[in-house]
Amino acid sequence: MGSFTPVIIGILALLYILYRQLQIRQVNKLELKLPVILLLFGGIIFKNFLNDHTLTATSFATVIFSLTILAVGMASIRAYTVRLWVEKNTIYRKGTWLTITLWIITMALHFAVDEIGNIGQSTLLIYYAITLSVQQWVVVSRANRIFSK
């Protein structure tokens, strides 16, 4: 896989994610199809990266920080910027411009952390998978808590 291929895939995935954030969608349950696909492709890209690079202690620490604290923390914050409402007994969701702004900030932080760890964007799709899953989980939990009363 060429060195720009993961970046191109990452940009296309981000554009799709941002587009989906602004769409009105039903809140039913966790939708994990996209995160699973991203995780699978991300795992392949990261494995290919590890075939050609040694993971130093700094690199390992940045991967762990990025995929846990940054991905989970920012997803939890972003989830509270998603608008929820009920219409005809159905719960709906739609991201706001603050949601999009936080996605952009999140991605800038992820890129910076990956550069510090000298791992390029080898974990980008894994990052998307984790942060999307957590954001969805928090949105679904919020909806259940708010509207189950």
N, C-alpha and C. Protein backbone atom coordinates (compact mmCIF):
# COMPACT_ATOMS: atom_id res chain seq x y z
N MET A 1 0.85 -1.17 0.00
CA MET A 1 0.00 0.00 0.00
C MET A 1 0.89 1.23 0.00
N GLY A 2 0.66 2.16 -0.91
CA GLY A 2 1.49 3.36 -1.00
C GLY A 2 1.39 4.20 0.26
N SER A 3 2.37 5.07 0.45
CA SER A 3 2.41 5.86 1.68
C SER A 3 1.28 6.87 1.76
N PHE A 4 0.73 7.28 0.61
CA PHE A 4 -0.37 8.23 0.64
C PHE A 4 -1.74 7.55 0.71
N THR A 5 -1.80 6.27 0.46
CA THR A 5 -3.07 5.56 0.46
C THR A 5 -3.80 5.68 1.80
N PRO A 6 -3.14 5.43 2.94
CA PRO A 6 -3.85 5.58 4.22
C PRO A 6 -4.36 7.01 4.44
N VAL A 7 -3.60 7.99 3.99
CA VAL A 7 -4.01 9.39 4.16
C VAL A 7 -5.25 9.67 3.32
N ILE A 8 -5.26 9.20 2.07
CA ILE A 8 -6.41 9.40 1.19
C ILE A 8 -7.64 8.70 1.76
N ILE A 9 -7.46 7.45 2.20
CA ILE A 9 -8.57 6.72 2.81
C ILE A 9 -9.06 7.46 4.05
N GLY A 10 -8.14 7.96 4.84
CA GLY A 10 -8.50 8.70 6.06
C GLY A 10 -9.27 9.98 5.76
N ILE A 11 -8.86 10.70 4.75
CA ILE A 11 -9.56 11.94 4.37
C ILE A 11 -10.97 11.63 3.87
N LEU A 12 -11.08 10.61 3.00
CA LEU A 12 -12.40 10.22 2.49
C LEU A 12 -13.31 9.76 3.63
N ALA A 13 -12.75 8.99 4.56
CA ALA A 13 -13.54 8.52 5.70
C ALA A 13 -14.00 9.70 6.56
N LEU A 14 -13.11 10.66 6.79
CA LEU A 14 -13.47 11.83 7.60
C LEU A 14 -14.57 12.65 6.92
N LEU A 15 -14.47 12.85 5.62
CA LEU A 15 -15.51 13.59 4.91
C LEU A 15 -16.87 12.89 5.03
N TYR A 16 -16.86 11.58 4.91
CA TYR A 16 -18.09 10.81 5.06
C TYR A 16 -18.63 10.93 6.48
N ILE A 17 -17.75 10.83 7.47
CA ILE A 17 -18.15 10.94 8.88
C ILE A 17 -18.75 12.32 9.15
N LEU A 18 -18.10 13.37 8.66
CA LEU A 18 -18.62 14.73 8.89
C LEU A 18 -19.98 14.91 8.21
N TYR A 19 -20.12 14.38 7.02
CA TYR A 19 -21.39 14.44 6.31
C TYR A 19 -22.49 13.74 7.13
N ARG A 20 -22.17 12.55 7.64
CA ARG A 20 -23.15 11.78 8.42
C ARG A 20 -23.49 12.46 9.75
N GLN A 21 -22.53 13.20 10.31
CA GLN A 21 -22.79 13.88 11.58
C GLN A 21 -23.91 14.90 11.44
N LEU A 22 -24.03 15.52 10.26
CA LEU A 22 -25.02 16.57 10.05
C LEU A 22 -26.34 16.06 9.48
N GLN A 23 -26.45 14.76 9.30
CA GLN A 23 -27.69 14.18 8.80
C GLN A 23 -28.63 13.88 9.96
N ILE A 24 -29.92 14.04 9.71
CA ILE A 24 -30.93 13.65 10.70
C ILE A 24 -31.07 12.13 10.62
N ARG A 25 -30.86 11.48 11.77
CA ARG A 25 -30.95 10.01 11.80
C ARG A 25 -31.69 9.58 13.06
N GLN A 26 -32.32 8.42 12.96
CA GLN A 26 -32.98 7.83 14.12
C GLN A 26 -31.94 7.34 15.11
N VAL A 27 -32.27 7.43 16.39
CA VAL A 27 -31.44 6.85 17.44
C VAL A 27 -32.13 5.56 17.84
N ASN A 28 -31.58 4.43 17.42
CA ASN A 28 -32.15 3.12 17.76
C ASN A 28 -31.24 2.38 18.70
N LYS A 29 -30.12 2.06 18.20
CA LYS A 29 -29.12 1.27 18.91
C LYS A 29 -27.76 1.64 18.34
N LEU A 30 -26.74 1.03 18.86
CA LEU A 30 -25.41 1.29 18.31
C LEU A 30 -25.33 0.80 16.87
N GLU A 31 -24.85 1.66 16.00
CA GLU A 31 -24.63 1.30 14.60
C GLU A 31 -23.13 1.07 14.45
N LEU A 32 -22.72 -0.17 14.43
CA LEU A 32 -21.28 -0.48 14.46
C LEU A 32 -20.72 -0.95 13.13
N LYS A 33 -21.51 -0.93 12.07
CA LYS A 33 -21.00 -1.42 10.78
C LYS A 33 -19.80 -0.59 10.31
N LEU A 34 -19.94 0.74 10.27
CA LEU A 34 -18.83 1.58 9.82
C LEU A 34 -17.62 1.47 10.75
N PRO A 35 -17.80 1.56 12.08
CA PRO A 35 -16.62 1.40 12.95
C PRO A 35 -15.90 0.06 12.77
N VAL A 36 -16.64 -1.02 12.55
CA VAL A 36 -16.00 -2.33 12.35
C VAL A 36 -15.20 -2.34 11.04
N ILE A 37 -15.77 -1.78 9.98
CA ILE A 37 -15.04 -1.70 8.70
C ILE A 37 -13.78 -0.86 8.87
N LEU A 38 -13.91 0.29 9.55
CA LEU A 38 -12.74 1.15 9.78
C LEU A 38 -11.69 0.43 10.62
N LEU A 39 -12.13 -0.31 11.62
CA LEU A 39 -11.20 -1.05 12.48
C LEU A 39 -10.44 -2.12 11.69
N LEU A 40 -11.14 -2.82 10.83
CA LEU A 40 -10.49 -3.86 10.02
C LEU A 40 -9.44 -3.27 9.08
N PHE A 41 -9.82 -2.25 8.32
CA PHE A 41 -8.86 -1.61 7.42
C PHE A 41 -7.74 -0.92 8.20
N GLY A 42 -8.11 -0.30 9.32
CA GLY A 42 -7.10 0.34 10.16
C GLY A 42 -6.10 -0.65 10.72
N GLY A 43 -6.58 -1.82 11.10
CA GLY A 43 -5.68 -2.87 11.60
C GLY A 43 -4.68 -3.31 10.53
N ILE A 44 -5.16 -3.44 9.29
CA ILE A 44 -4.27 -3.81 8.18
C ILE A 44 -3.22 -2.73 7.94
N ILE A 45 -3.65 -1.47 7.94
CA ILE A 45 -2.71 -0.37 7.72
C ILE A 45 -1.69 -0.31 8.84
N PHE A 46 -2.13 -0.46 10.09
CA PHE A 46 -1.20 -0.41 11.22
C PHE A 46 -0.24 -1.60 11.19
N LYS A 47 -0.74 -2.77 10.83
CA LYS A 47 0.13 -3.95 10.71
C LYS A 47 1.19 -3.72 9.65
N ASN A 48 0.80 -3.16 8.51
CA ASN A 48 1.77 -2.85 7.45
C ASN A 48 2.81 -1.84 7.94
N PHE A 49 2.38 -0.86 8.72
CA PHE A 49 3.30 0.11 9.29
C PHE A 49 4.30 -0.59 10.20
N LEU A 50 3.80 -1.50 11.05
CA LEU A 50 4.69 -2.20 11.98
C LEU A 50 5.66 -3.15 11.28
N ASN A 51 5.30 -3.62 10.08
CA ASN A 51 6.21 -4.47 9.31
C ASN A 51 7.47 -3.71 8.90
N ASP A 52 7.35 -2.39 8.73
CA ASP A 52 8.47 -1.58 8.24
C ASP A 52 9.08 -0.67 9.30
N HIS A 53 8.47 -0.60 10.48
CA HIS A 53 8.94 0.34 11.52
C HIS A 53 9.00 -0.37 12.86
N THR A 54 9.89 0.13 13.70
CA THR A 54 9.98 -0.35 15.07
C THR A 54 9.16 0.57 15.95
N LEU A 55 8.35 -0.01 16.80
CA LEU A 55 7.53 0.78 17.71
C LEU A 55 8.34 1.06 18.97
N THR A 56 8.79 2.30 19.11
CA THR A 56 9.56 2.70 20.29
C THR A 56 8.63 2.92 21.47
N ALA A 57 9.21 3.15 22.63
CA ALA A 57 8.40 3.41 23.82
C ALA A 57 7.57 4.68 23.63
N THR A 58 8.16 5.71 23.02
CA THR A 58 7.44 6.95 22.75
C THR A 58 6.30 6.70 21.77
N SER A 59 6.58 5.95 20.71
CA SER A 59 5.55 5.64 19.73
C SER A 59 4.41 4.87 20.37
N PHE A 60 4.76 3.88 21.18
CA PHE A 60 3.75 3.07 21.85
C PHE A 60 2.90 3.94 22.77
N ALA A 61 3.54 4.83 23.52
CA ALA A 61 2.81 5.71 24.45
C ALA A 61 1.86 6.63 23.69
N THR A 62 2.30 7.15 22.55
CA THR A 62 1.42 8.05 21.79
C THR A 62 0.24 7.29 21.19
N VAL A 63 0.47 6.06 20.76
CA VAL A 63 -0.63 5.24 20.23
C VAL A 63 -1.66 5.00 21.33
N ILE A 64 -1.20 4.60 22.50
CA ILE A 64 -2.11 4.33 23.61
C ILE A 64 -2.86 5.60 24.01
N PHE A 65 -2.14 6.72 24.12
CA PHE A 65 -2.77 7.99 24.49
C PHE A 65 -3.82 8.38 23.45
N SER A 66 -3.47 8.30 22.18
CA SER A 66 -4.36 8.72 21.11
C SER A 66 -5.61 7.85 21.03
N LEU A 67 -5.42 6.53 21.14
CA LEU A 67 -6.54 5.61 20.96
C LEU A 67 -7.40 5.43 22.21
N THR A 68 -6.92 5.91 23.35
CA THR A 68 -7.73 5.78 24.56
C THR A 68 -8.19 7.15 25.04
N ILE A 69 -7.31 7.90 25.61
CA ILE A 69 -7.69 9.17 26.23
C ILE A 69 -8.24 10.15 25.20
N LEU A 70 -7.54 10.34 24.10
CA LEU A 70 -7.98 11.31 23.10
C LEU A 70 -9.25 10.85 22.39
N ALA A 71 -9.25 9.64 21.89
CA ALA A 71 -10.42 9.14 21.13
C ALA A 71 -11.66 9.05 22.01
N VAL A 72 -11.51 8.47 23.19
CA VAL A 72 -12.66 8.27 24.08
C VAL A 72 -13.10 9.60 24.69
N GLY A 73 -12.16 10.37 25.16
CA GLY A 73 -12.49 11.65 25.80
C GLY A 73 -13.18 12.62 24.87
N MET A 74 -12.62 12.81 23.69
CA MET A 74 -13.21 13.75 22.73
C MET A 74 -14.55 13.24 22.22
N ALA A 75 -14.69 11.94 22.04
CA ALA A 75 -15.97 11.38 21.60
C ALA A 75 -17.06 11.65 22.63
N SER A 76 -16.71 11.50 23.90
CA SER A 76 -17.68 11.73 24.96
C SER A 76 -18.13 13.19 24.98
N ILE A 77 -17.19 14.09 24.80
CA ILE A 77 -17.53 15.52 24.76
C ILE A 77 -18.38 15.82 23.52
N ARG A 78 -17.95 15.33 22.36
CA ARG A 78 -18.69 15.58 21.11
C ARG A 78 -20.13 15.08 21.19
N ALA A 79 -20.32 13.96 21.85
CA ALA A 79 -21.66 13.35 21.93
C ALA A 79 -22.66 14.29 22.59
N TYR A 80 -22.20 15.14 23.48
CA TYR A 80 -23.10 16.07 24.16
C TYR A 80 -23.42 17.29 23.31
N THR A 81 -22.80 17.42 22.14
CA THR A 81 -23.13 18.52 21.22
C THR A 81 -24.14 18.07 20.17
N VAL A 82 -24.48 16.79 20.17
CA VAL A 82 -25.45 16.25 19.22
C VAL A 82 -26.86 16.57 19.73
N ARG A 83 -27.66 17.15 18.85
CA ARG A 83 -29.04 17.51 19.20
C ARG A 83 -29.92 16.26 19.15
N LEU A 84 -30.74 16.09 20.19
CA LEU A 84 -31.68 14.97 20.27
C LEU A 84 -33.09 15.52 20.40
N TRP A 85 -34.05 14.86 19.75
CA TRP A 85 -35.45 15.24 19.89
C TRP A 85 -36.34 14.06 19.54
N VAL A 86 -37.60 14.16 19.97
CA VAL A 86 -38.58 13.12 19.69
C VAL A 86 -39.63 13.69 18.73
N GLU A 87 -39.95 12.88 17.75
CA GLU A 87 -40.98 13.24 16.79
C GLU A 87 -41.77 11.97 16.48
N LYS A 88 -43.06 12.00 16.75
CA LYS A 88 -43.94 10.84 16.50
C LYS A 88 -43.39 9.56 17.15
N ASN A 89 -43.02 9.67 18.42
CA ASN A 89 -42.52 8.54 19.22
C ASN A 89 -41.20 7.96 18.72
N THR A 90 -40.48 8.70 17.92
CA THR A 90 -39.17 8.26 17.44
C THR A 90 -38.13 9.28 17.86
N ILE A 91 -37.00 8.81 18.39
CA ILE A 91 -35.92 9.69 18.80
C ILE A 91 -35.01 9.92 17.60
N TYR A 92 -34.69 11.20 17.37
CA TYR A 92 -33.79 11.57 16.28
C TYR A 92 -32.57 12.28 16.82
N ARG A 93 -31.53 12.29 16.00
CA ARG A 93 -30.27 12.95 16.36
C ARG A 93 -29.74 13.71 15.15
N LYS A 94 -29.00 14.77 15.44
CA LYS A 94 -28.32 15.51 14.38
C LYS A 94 -27.16 16.26 15.02
N GLY A 95 -25.99 16.11 14.44
CA GLY A 95 -24.84 16.85 14.92
C GLY A 95 -25.01 18.33 14.63
N THR A 96 -24.32 19.15 15.40
CA THR A 96 -24.37 20.60 15.23
C THR A 96 -23.04 21.07 14.65
N TRP A 97 -22.96 22.37 14.40
CA TRP A 97 -21.68 22.90 13.92
C TRP A 97 -20.61 22.79 15.00
N LEU A 98 -21.02 22.81 16.26
CA LEU A 98 -20.06 22.57 17.34
C LEU A 98 -19.53 21.15 17.27
N THR A 99 -20.38 20.20 16.93
CA THR A 99 -19.95 18.81 16.75
C THR A 99 -18.85 18.75 15.68
N ILE A 100 -19.09 19.41 14.56
CA ILE A 100 -18.12 19.41 13.45
C ILE A 100 -16.83 20.11 13.87
N THR A 101 -16.95 21.22 14.57
CA THR A 101 -15.76 21.94 15.05
C THR A 101 -14.94 21.06 15.97
N LEU A 102 -15.60 20.34 16.87
CA LEU A 102 -14.88 19.43 17.77
C LEU A 102 -14.24 18.28 17.01
N TRP A 103 -14.88 17.80 15.93
CA TRP A 103 -14.25 16.77 15.09
C TRP A 103 -12.96 17.31 14.50
N ILE A 104 -12.98 18.53 14.00
CA ILE A 104 -11.79 19.12 13.38
C ILE A 104 -10.68 19.30 14.42
N ILE A 105 -11.05 19.78 15.60
CA ILE A 105 -10.06 19.93 16.68
C ILE A 105 -9.50 18.57 17.07
N THR A 106 -10.39 17.58 17.19
CA THR A 106 -9.97 16.23 17.54
C THR A 106 -8.96 15.68 16.53
N MET A 107 -9.25 15.90 15.25
CA MET A 107 -8.35 15.38 14.22
C MET A 107 -7.00 16.09 14.26
N ALA A 108 -7.00 17.39 14.50
CA ALA A 108 -5.74 18.12 14.62
C ALA A 108 -4.92 17.58 15.78
N LEU A 109 -5.57 17.31 16.91
CA LEU A 109 -4.87 16.74 18.06
C LEU A 109 -4.33 15.35 17.74
N HIS A 110 -5.14 14.54 17.06
CA HIS A 110 -4.69 13.19 16.69
C HIS A 110 -3.47 13.27 15.78
N PHE A 111 -3.52 14.13 14.78
CA PHE A 111 -2.37 14.28 13.86
C PHE A 111 -1.13 14.72 14.63
N ALA A 112 -1.29 15.67 15.55
CA ALA A 112 -0.14 16.17 16.32
C ALA A 112 0.45 15.06 17.18
N VAL A 113 -0.41 14.31 17.86
CA VAL A 113 0.08 13.22 18.72
C VAL A 113 0.79 12.16 17.88
N ASP A 114 0.22 11.80 16.74
CA ASP A 114 0.86 10.80 15.87
C ASP A 114 2.21 11.28 15.35
N GLU A 115 2.32 12.56 15.06
CA GLU A 115 3.61 13.09 14.60
C GLU A 115 4.64 13.08 15.73
N ILE A 116 4.22 13.41 16.93
CA ILE A 116 5.12 13.35 18.09
C ILE A 116 5.64 11.93 18.26
N GLY A 117 4.77 10.96 18.09
CA GLY A 117 5.15 9.56 18.24
C GLY A 117 5.82 8.98 17.02
N ASN A 118 5.93 9.78 15.96
CA ASN A 118 6.60 9.36 14.72
C ASN A 118 5.94 8.12 14.11
N ILE A 119 4.60 8.09 14.15
CA ILE A 119 3.90 6.95 13.57
C ILE A 119 3.04 7.36 12.37
N GLY A 120 3.22 8.61 11.90
CA GLY A 120 2.45 9.06 10.75
C GLY A 120 0.97 8.95 11.05
N GLN A 121 0.21 8.50 10.07
CA GLN A 121 -1.23 8.34 10.27
C GLN A 121 -1.61 6.86 10.26
N SER A 122 -0.71 6.04 10.76
CA SER A 122 -0.93 4.59 10.70
C SER A 122 -2.09 4.12 11.58
N THR A 123 -2.51 4.94 12.55
CA THR A 123 -3.61 4.53 13.44
C THR A 123 -4.90 5.31 13.16
N LEU A 124 -4.93 6.07 12.09
CA LEU A 124 -6.06 6.97 11.84
C LEU A 124 -7.40 6.24 11.76
N LEU A 125 -7.48 5.17 11.00
CA LEU A 125 -8.76 4.47 10.85
C LEU A 125 -9.16 3.76 12.14
N ILE A 126 -8.18 3.28 12.89
CA ILE A 126 -8.48 2.68 14.20
C ILE A 126 -9.04 3.77 15.13
N TYR A 127 -8.43 4.94 15.07
CA TYR A 127 -8.90 6.09 15.86
C TYR A 127 -10.35 6.42 15.52
N TYR A 128 -10.65 6.50 14.21
CA TYR A 128 -12.03 6.77 13.79
C TYR A 128 -12.98 5.71 14.35
N ALA A 129 -12.60 4.46 14.26
CA ALA A 129 -13.47 3.37 14.73
C ALA A 129 -13.79 3.52 16.21
N ILE A 130 -12.77 3.80 17.01
CA ILE A 130 -12.97 3.92 18.46
C ILE A 130 -13.79 5.16 18.79
N THR A 131 -13.43 6.30 18.22
CA THR A 131 -14.09 7.55 18.57
C THR A 131 -15.54 7.57 18.09
N LEU A 132 -15.81 6.98 16.92
CA LEU A 132 -17.19 6.89 16.43
C LEU A 132 -18.03 5.98 17.32
N SER A 133 -17.48 4.85 17.71
CA SER A 133 -18.20 3.90 18.57
C SER A 133 -18.55 4.53 19.90
N VAL A 134 -17.59 5.21 20.50
CA VAL A 134 -17.83 5.84 21.81
C VAL A 134 -18.86 6.96 21.67
N GLN A 135 -18.72 7.79 20.64
CA GLN A 135 -19.68 8.87 20.45
C GLN A 135 -21.09 8.31 20.28
N GLN A 136 -21.22 7.27 19.48
CA GLN A 136 -22.54 6.66 19.28
C GLN A 136 -23.08 6.09 20.58
N TRP A 137 -22.23 5.44 21.34
CA TRP A 137 -22.66 4.85 22.60
C TRP A 137 -23.17 5.94 23.56
N VAL A 138 -22.46 7.06 23.64
CA VAL A 138 -22.88 8.15 24.53
C VAL A 138 -24.19 8.77 24.03
N VAL A 139 -24.32 8.96 22.72
CA VAL A 139 -25.57 9.52 22.17
C VAL A 139 -26.75 8.60 22.47
N VAL A 140 -26.59 7.31 22.24
CA VAL A 140 -27.66 6.35 22.51
C VAL A 140 -27.98 6.34 24.01
N SER A 141 -26.98 6.37 24.85
CA SER A 141 -27.20 6.40 26.30
C SER A 141 -27.93 7.67 26.73
N ARG A 142 -27.52 8.81 26.17
CA ARG A 142 -28.21 10.07 26.46
C ARG A 142 -29.68 9.98 26.05
N ALA A 143 -29.91 9.51 24.85
CA ALA A 143 -31.29 9.41 24.34
C ALA A 143 -32.13 8.51 25.24
N ASN A 144 -31.60 7.39 25.61
CA ASN A 144 -32.33 6.46 26.49
C ASN A 144 -32.62 7.09 27.86
N ARG A 145 -31.64 7.79 28.38
CA ARG A 145 -31.79 8.41 29.69
C ARG A 145 -32.80 9.57 29.64
N ILE A 146 -32.71 10.42 28.63
CA ILE A 146 -33.57 11.59 28.53
C ILE A 146 -35.00 11.23 28.19
N PHE A 147 -35.18 10.34 27.24
CA PHE A 147 -36.51 10.10 26.70
C PHE A 147 -37.21 8.85 27.25
N SER A 148 -36.57 8.14 28.17
CA SER A 148 -37.23 6.96 28.73
C SER A 148 -38.04 7.31 29.98
N LYS A 149 -38.05 8.58 30.32
CA LYS A 149 -38.78 9.02 31.54
C LYS A 149 -40.27 9.05 31.29
